Amino acid sequence: MEHEDRFVDIEIKLAHMEDLVDSLNGTVYQQARRIDQLEGIVQQLAEHLRAMREIGRQTPVNERPPHY
């Protein structure tokens, strides 16, 4: 009887661990998707910044605006 109780306890712990692993796997998957999204946003911002710098290089710094 003692061995059977130990096996039941082990099976219960294993079931809890499997649930925990599944939950953690879902969390890791969601975080990976979010990281991918954020990396895309960072890439877009970097490209926008490069474009703005290029526009800044093309425009003379001391040029008066047309309305003067």
N, C-alpha and C. Protein backbone atom coordinates (compact mmCIF):
# COMPACT_ATOMS: atom_id res chain seq x y z
N MET A 1 0.83 -1.19 0.00
CA MET A 1 0.00 0.00 0.00
C MET A 1 0.87 1.25 0.00
N GLU A 2 1.99 1.22 0.71
CA GLU A 2 2.86 2.37 0.80
C GLU A 2 3.44 2.72 -0.57
N HIS A 3 3.81 1.70 -1.34
CA HIS A 3 4.36 1.93 -2.68
C HIS A 3 3.32 2.56 -3.59
N GLU A 4 2.09 2.09 -3.47
CA GLU A 4 1.02 2.63 -4.31
C GLU A 4 0.79 4.11 -3.99
N ASP A 5 0.82 4.46 -2.71
CA ASP A 5 0.65 5.87 -2.32
C ASP A 5 1.77 6.73 -2.89
N ARG A 6 2.98 6.20 -2.87
CA ARG A 6 4.12 6.95 -3.41
C ARG A 6 3.96 7.14 -4.92
N PHE A 7 3.50 6.11 -5.61
CA PHE A 7 3.28 6.23 -7.05
C PHE A 7 2.20 7.26 -7.36
N VAL A 8 1.16 7.25 -6.57
CA VAL A 8 0.09 8.23 -6.77
C VAL A 8 0.63 9.64 -6.55
N ASP A 9 1.41 9.83 -5.50
CA ASP A 9 2.01 11.14 -5.24
C ASP A 9 2.91 11.57 -6.40
N ILE A 10 3.70 10.63 -6.91
CA ILE A 10 4.58 10.94 -8.04
C ILE A 10 3.76 11.30 -9.28
N GLU A 11 2.70 10.56 -9.54
CA GLU A 11 1.85 10.86 -10.70
C GLU A 11 1.19 12.23 -10.56
N ILE A 12 0.77 12.57 -9.37
CA ILE A 12 0.16 13.89 -9.13
C ILE A 12 1.19 14.99 -9.38
N LYS A 13 2.38 14.81 -8.84
CA LYS A 13 3.44 15.81 -9.04
C LYS A 13 3.80 15.92 -10.52
N LEU A 14 3.86 14.80 -11.21
CA LEU A 14 4.18 14.80 -12.63
C LEU A 14 3.10 15.55 -13.42
N ALA A 15 1.86 15.32 -13.07
CA ALA A 15 0.75 16.00 -13.76
C ALA A 15 0.85 17.51 -13.54
N HIS A 16 1.17 17.93 -12.33
CA HIS A 16 1.33 19.36 -12.05
C HIS A 16 2.51 19.94 -12.83
N MET A 17 3.58 19.19 -12.90
CA MET A 17 4.76 19.65 -13.63
C MET A 17 4.46 19.76 -15.13
N GLU A 18 3.70 18.82 -15.67
CA GLU A 18 3.33 18.89 -17.08
C GLU A 18 2.47 20.12 -17.35
N ASP A 19 1.54 20.41 -16.45
CA ASP A 19 0.72 21.62 -16.59
C ASP A 19 1.58 22.87 -16.54
N LEU A 20 2.52 22.89 -15.62
CA LEU A 20 3.41 24.04 -15.49
C LEU A 20 4.26 24.22 -16.74
N VAL A 21 4.80 23.13 -17.27
CA VAL A 21 5.61 23.20 -18.49
C VAL A 21 4.76 23.72 -19.66
N ASP A 22 3.54 23.24 -19.78
CA ASP A 22 2.65 23.72 -20.85
C ASP A 22 2.38 25.22 -20.69
N SER A 23 2.13 25.64 -19.47
CA SER A 23 1.88 27.05 -19.21
C SER A 23 3.11 27.90 -19.54
N LEU A 24 4.27 27.45 -19.10
CA LEU A 24 5.50 28.18 -19.38
C LEU A 24 5.80 28.21 -20.88
N ASN A 25 5.52 27.12 -21.56
CA ASN A 25 5.72 27.07 -23.01
C ASN A 25 4.84 28.11 -23.70
N GLY A 26 3.60 28.22 -23.27
CA GLY A 26 2.70 29.24 -23.84
C GLY A 26 3.21 30.64 -23.58
N THR A 27 3.72 30.88 -22.39
CA THR A 27 4.25 32.19 -22.05
C THR A 27 5.47 32.52 -22.90
N VAL A 28 6.36 31.56 -23.06
CA VAL A 28 7.56 31.77 -23.88
C VAL A 28 7.16 32.04 -25.32
N TYR A 29 6.20 31.31 -25.84
CA TYR A 29 5.73 31.53 -27.21
C TYR A 29 5.17 32.94 -27.38
N GLN A 30 4.34 33.38 -26.45
CA GLN A 30 3.77 34.73 -26.53
C GLN A 30 4.86 35.79 -26.44
N GLN A 31 5.83 35.58 -25.57
CA GLN A 31 6.92 36.54 -25.45
C GLN A 31 7.77 36.58 -26.72
N ALA A 32 7.99 35.45 -27.34
CA ALA A 32 8.77 35.40 -28.59
C ALA A 32 8.04 36.16 -29.69
N ARG A 33 6.72 35.99 -29.77
CA ARG A 33 5.94 36.74 -30.77
C ARG A 33 6.02 38.23 -30.50
N ARG A 34 5.92 38.63 -29.26
CA ARG A 34 5.99 40.05 -28.91
C ARG A 34 7.38 40.61 -29.22
N ILE A 35 8.42 39.84 -28.93
CA ILE A 35 9.78 40.28 -29.24
C ILE A 35 9.93 40.48 -30.75
N ASP A 36 9.38 39.55 -31.53
CA ASP A 36 9.42 39.71 -32.99
C ASP A 36 8.72 40.99 -33.43
N GLN A 37 7.57 41.28 -32.84
CA GLN A 37 6.85 42.51 -33.17
C GLN A 37 7.68 43.74 -32.81
N LEU A 38 8.25 43.72 -31.63
CA LEU A 38 9.04 44.87 -31.17
C LEU A 38 10.29 45.06 -32.02
N GLU A 39 10.92 43.96 -32.43
CA GLU A 39 12.08 44.06 -33.31
C GLU A 39 11.70 44.70 -34.64
N GLY A 40 10.51 44.35 -35.15
CA GLY A 40 10.02 44.97 -36.38
C GLY A 40 9.81 46.46 -36.21
N ILE A 41 9.25 46.86 -35.08
CA ILE A 41 9.03 48.28 -34.81
C ILE A 41 10.36 49.01 -34.70
N VAL A 42 11.32 48.42 -34.02
CA VAL A 42 12.64 49.04 -33.87
C VAL A 42 13.29 49.20 -35.25
N GLN A 43 13.17 48.19 -36.09
CA GLN A 43 13.74 48.27 -37.44
C GLN A 43 13.09 49.40 -38.24
N GLN A 44 11.78 49.53 -38.15
CA GLN A 44 11.08 50.61 -38.85
C GLN A 44 11.53 51.97 -38.33
N LEU A 45 11.68 52.10 -37.03
CA LEU A 45 12.13 53.37 -36.46
C LEU A 45 13.55 53.69 -36.89
N ALA A 46 14.41 52.68 -36.95
CA ALA A 46 15.79 52.90 -37.39
C ALA A 46 15.82 53.36 -38.84
N GLU A 47 15.00 52.74 -39.68
CA GLU A 47 14.93 53.15 -41.08
C GLU A 47 14.39 54.57 -41.20
N HIS A 48 13.39 54.90 -40.42
CA HIS A 48 12.83 56.26 -40.42
C HIS A 48 13.90 57.27 -39.98
N LEU A 49 14.63 56.94 -38.95
CA LEU A 49 15.69 57.82 -38.45
C LEU A 49 16.76 58.03 -39.52
N ARG A 50 17.16 56.95 -40.21
CA ARG A 50 18.15 57.08 -41.28
C ARG A 50 17.62 58.00 -42.39
N ALA A 51 16.36 57.84 -42.74
CA ALA A 51 15.76 58.68 -43.78
C ALA A 51 15.73 60.14 -43.34
N MET A 52 15.40 60.38 -42.09
CA MET A 52 15.35 61.76 -41.58
C MET A 52 16.75 62.37 -41.57
N ARG A 53 17.75 61.59 -41.23
CA ARG A 53 19.13 62.09 -41.25
C ARG A 53 19.54 62.45 -42.67
N GLU A 54 19.15 61.61 -43.61
CA GLU A 54 19.49 61.86 -45.01
C GLU A 54 18.82 63.14 -45.49
N ILE A 55 17.58 63.36 -45.12
CA ILE A 55 16.88 64.59 -45.48
C ILE A 55 17.60 65.78 -44.84
N GLY A 56 18.03 65.62 -43.61
CA GLY A 56 18.75 66.69 -42.90
C GLY A 56 20.06 67.03 -43.58
N ARG A 57 20.72 66.06 -44.15
CA ARG A 57 21.98 66.32 -44.86
C ARG A 57 21.74 67.06 -46.17
N GLN A 58 20.59 66.85 -46.76
CA GLN A 58 20.29 67.47 -48.04
C GLN A 58 19.83 68.91 -47.89
N THR A 59 19.35 69.27 -46.71
CA THR A 59 18.85 70.61 -46.47
C THR A 59 19.94 71.44 -45.79
N PRO A 60 20.34 72.56 -46.41
CA PRO A 60 21.34 73.40 -45.76
C PRO A 60 20.85 73.89 -44.39
N VAL A 61 21.74 73.91 -43.44
CA VAL A 61 21.39 74.25 -42.06
C VAL A 61 21.03 75.72 -41.92
N ASN A 62 21.77 76.60 -42.55
CA ASN A 62 21.57 78.04 -42.37
C ASN A 62 20.67 78.65 -43.43
N GLU A 63 20.01 77.87 -44.23
CA GLU A 63 19.12 78.40 -45.27
C GLU A 63 17.88 78.98 -44.63
N ARG A 64 17.51 80.18 -45.11
CA ARG A 64 16.29 80.80 -44.59
C ARG A 64 15.07 80.12 -45.20
N PRO A 65 14.03 79.98 -44.43
CA PRO A 65 12.78 79.41 -44.97
C PRO A 65 12.24 80.33 -46.07
N PRO A 66 11.44 79.81 -46.98
CA PRO A 66 10.95 80.59 -48.12
C PRO A 66 10.11 81.80 -47.75
N HIS A 67 9.49 81.84 -46.60
CA HIS A 67 8.62 82.96 -46.25
C HIS A 67 9.37 84.20 -45.78
N TYR A 68 10.73 84.17 -45.68
CA TYR A 68 11.48 85.35 -45.25
C TYR A 68 11.77 86.23 -46.41
